[in-house]
Amino acid sequence: MSEALDNHIAKLRAKQKISQQELAEAIGVSRKTISTVETMRFVPSVIIALKLAKHFGVAVEDIFTLNKEVVD
């Protein structure tokens, strides 16, 4: 699990009313990949992060943020 990173994937999915499976299909990854990134068991590649940002129409920094402890 990544303690250095937070993400807002579940909130963004909820706004769009889409499932993990639907998001996975939209960006070309498995549902398990979405699940493990969303639950912070896996840190995504830059490519996946960029695909997520493009899908949601937001900046990568709007999806992923460093925990305060890492920044300080």
C-alpha atoms as a PDB file:
ATOM      1  CA  MET A   1       0.000   0.000   0.000  1.00  0.00           C
ATOM      2  CA  SER A   2       1.226   3.466  -0.801  1.00  0.00           C
ATOM      3  CA  GLU A   3       1.186   5.666   2.275  1.00  0.00           C
ATOM      4  CA  ALA A   4       2.665   8.538   0.285  1.00  0.00           C
ATOM      5  CA  LEU A   5      -0.221   8.992  -2.128  1.00  0.00           C
ATOM      6  CA  ASP A   6      -3.940   9.761  -1.900  1.00  0.00           C
ATOM      7  CA  ASN A   7      -6.399   9.615  -4.777  1.00  0.00           C
ATOM      8  CA  HIS A   8      -9.916  10.724  -5.604  1.00  0.00           C
ATOM      9  CA  ILE A   9     -10.840   8.071  -8.158  1.00  0.00           C
ATOM     10  CA  ALA A  10     -13.862   6.772  -6.237  1.00  0.00           C
ATOM     11  CA  LYS A  11     -15.277  10.302  -5.885  1.00  0.00           C
ATOM     12  CA  LEU A  12     -14.751  11.028  -9.570  1.00  0.00           C
ATOM     13  CA  ARG A  13     -16.361   7.712 -10.538  1.00  0.00           C
ATOM     14  CA  ALA A  14     -19.323   8.490  -8.286  1.00  0.00           C
ATOM     15  CA  LYS A  15     -19.806  11.868  -9.967  1.00  0.00           C
ATOM     16  CA  GLN A  16     -19.931  10.137 -13.351  1.00  0.00           C
ATOM     17  CA  LYS A  17     -21.986   7.255 -11.933  1.00  0.00           C
ATOM     18  CA  ILE A  18     -19.681   4.645 -13.439  1.00  0.00           C
ATOM     19  CA  SER A  19     -18.383   1.368 -12.051  1.00  0.00           C
ATOM     20  CA  GLN A  20     -14.783   0.292 -11.757  1.00  0.00           C
ATOM     21  CA  GLN A  21     -15.407  -2.008 -14.727  1.00  0.00           C
ATOM     22  CA  GLU A  22     -16.764   0.828 -16.871  1.00  0.00           C
ATOM     23  CA  LEU A  23     -13.801   3.035 -16.003  1.00  0.00           C
ATOM     24  CA  ALA A  24     -11.384   0.200 -16.725  1.00  0.00           C
ATOM     25  CA  GLU A  25     -12.919  -0.375 -20.146  1.00  0.00           C
ATOM     26  CA  ALA A  26     -12.855   3.346 -20.907  1.00  0.00           C
ATOM     27  CA  ILE A  27      -9.106   3.647 -20.309  1.00  0.00           C
ATOM     28  CA  GLY A  28      -8.037   0.172 -21.464  1.00  0.00           C
ATOM     29  CA  VAL A  29      -7.018  -1.519 -18.228  1.00  0.00           C
ATOM     30  CA  SER A  30      -8.472  -4.298 -16.075  1.00  0.00           C
ATOM     31  CA  ARG A  31     -11.031  -3.729 -13.340  1.00  0.00           C
ATOM     32  CA  LYS A  32      -8.476  -5.137 -10.900  1.00  0.00           C
ATOM     33  CA  THR A  33      -6.043  -2.376 -11.898  1.00  0.00           C
ATOM     34  CA  ILE A  34      -8.666   0.275 -11.127  1.00  0.00           C
ATOM     35  CA  SER A  35      -9.470  -1.421  -7.831  1.00  0.00           C
ATOM     36  CA  THR A  36      -5.863  -1.674  -6.685  1.00  0.00           C
ATOM     37  CA  VAL A  37      -5.075   1.925  -7.659  1.00  0.00           C
ATOM     38  CA  GLU A  38      -8.283   3.225  -6.070  1.00  0.00           C
ATOM     39  CA  THR A  39      -7.584   1.409  -2.797  1.00  0.00           C
ATOM     40  CA  MET A  40      -3.938   2.526  -2.884  1.00  0.00           C
ATOM     41  CA  ARG A  41      -2.506  -1.001  -3.016  1.00  0.00           C
ATOM     42  CA  PHE A  42      -0.787  -0.094  -6.306  1.00  0.00           C
ATOM     43  CA  VAL A  43       0.774   3.145  -7.533  1.00  0.00           C
ATOM     44  CA  PRO A  44      -0.211   3.617 -11.176  1.00  0.00           C
ATOM     45  CA  SER A  45       2.170   4.258 -14.023  1.00  0.00           C
ATOM     46  CA  VAL A  46       2.309   7.727 -15.483  1.00  0.00           C
ATOM     47  CA  ILE A  47       0.412   6.411 -18.507  1.00  0.00           C
ATOM     48  CA  ILE A  48      -2.485   5.153 -16.382  1.00  0.00           C
ATOM     49  CA  ALA A  49      -2.531   8.385 -14.368  1.00  0.00           C
ATOM     50  CA  LEU A  50      -2.669  10.432 -17.575  1.00  0.00           C
ATOM     51  CA  LYS A  51      -5.429   8.226 -19.018  1.00  0.00           C
ATOM     52  CA  LEU A  52      -7.460   8.684 -15.832  1.00  0.00           C
ATOM     53  CA  ALA A  53      -6.970  12.450 -15.946  1.00  0.00           C
ATOM     54  CA  LYS A  54      -8.007  12.590 -19.594  1.00  0.00           C
ATOM     55  CA  HIS A  55     -11.072  10.444 -18.944  1.00  0.00           C
ATOM     56  CA  PHE A  56     -12.248  12.612 -16.058  1.00  0.00           C
ATOM     57  CA  GLY A  57     -11.242  15.861 -17.774  1.00  0.00           C
ATOM     58  CA  VAL A  58      -9.073  16.994 -14.877  1.00  0.00           C
ATOM     59  CA  ALA A  59      -5.371  17.438 -14.129  1.00  0.00           C
ATOM     60  CA  VAL A  60      -3.450  14.492 -12.713  1.00  0.00           C
ATOM     61  CA  GLU A  61      -2.961  16.562  -9.535  1.00  0.00           C
ATOM     62  CA  ASP A  62      -6.760  16.682  -9.146  1.00  0.00           C
ATOM     63  CA  ILE A  63      -6.778  12.880  -8.909  1.00  0.00           C
ATOM     64  CA  PHE A  64      -3.542  12.127  -7.078  1.00  0.00           C
ATOM     65  CA  THR A  65      -1.999  14.064  -4.207  1.00  0.00           C
ATOM     66  CA  LEU A  66       1.013  13.480  -1.998  1.00  0.00           C
ATOM     67  CA  ASN A  67       0.288  13.002   1.675  1.00  0.00           C
ATOM     68  CA  LYS A  68       1.265  15.921   3.867  1.00  0.00           C
ATOM     69  CA  GLU A  69       4.006  13.885   5.589  1.00  0.00           C
ATOM     70  CA  VAL A  70       5.743  13.300   2.251  1.00  0.00           C
ATOM     71  CA  VAL A  71       5.637  16.965   1.288  1.00  0.00           C
ATOM     72  CA  ASP A  72       6.949  18.262   4.626  1.00  0.00           C
END
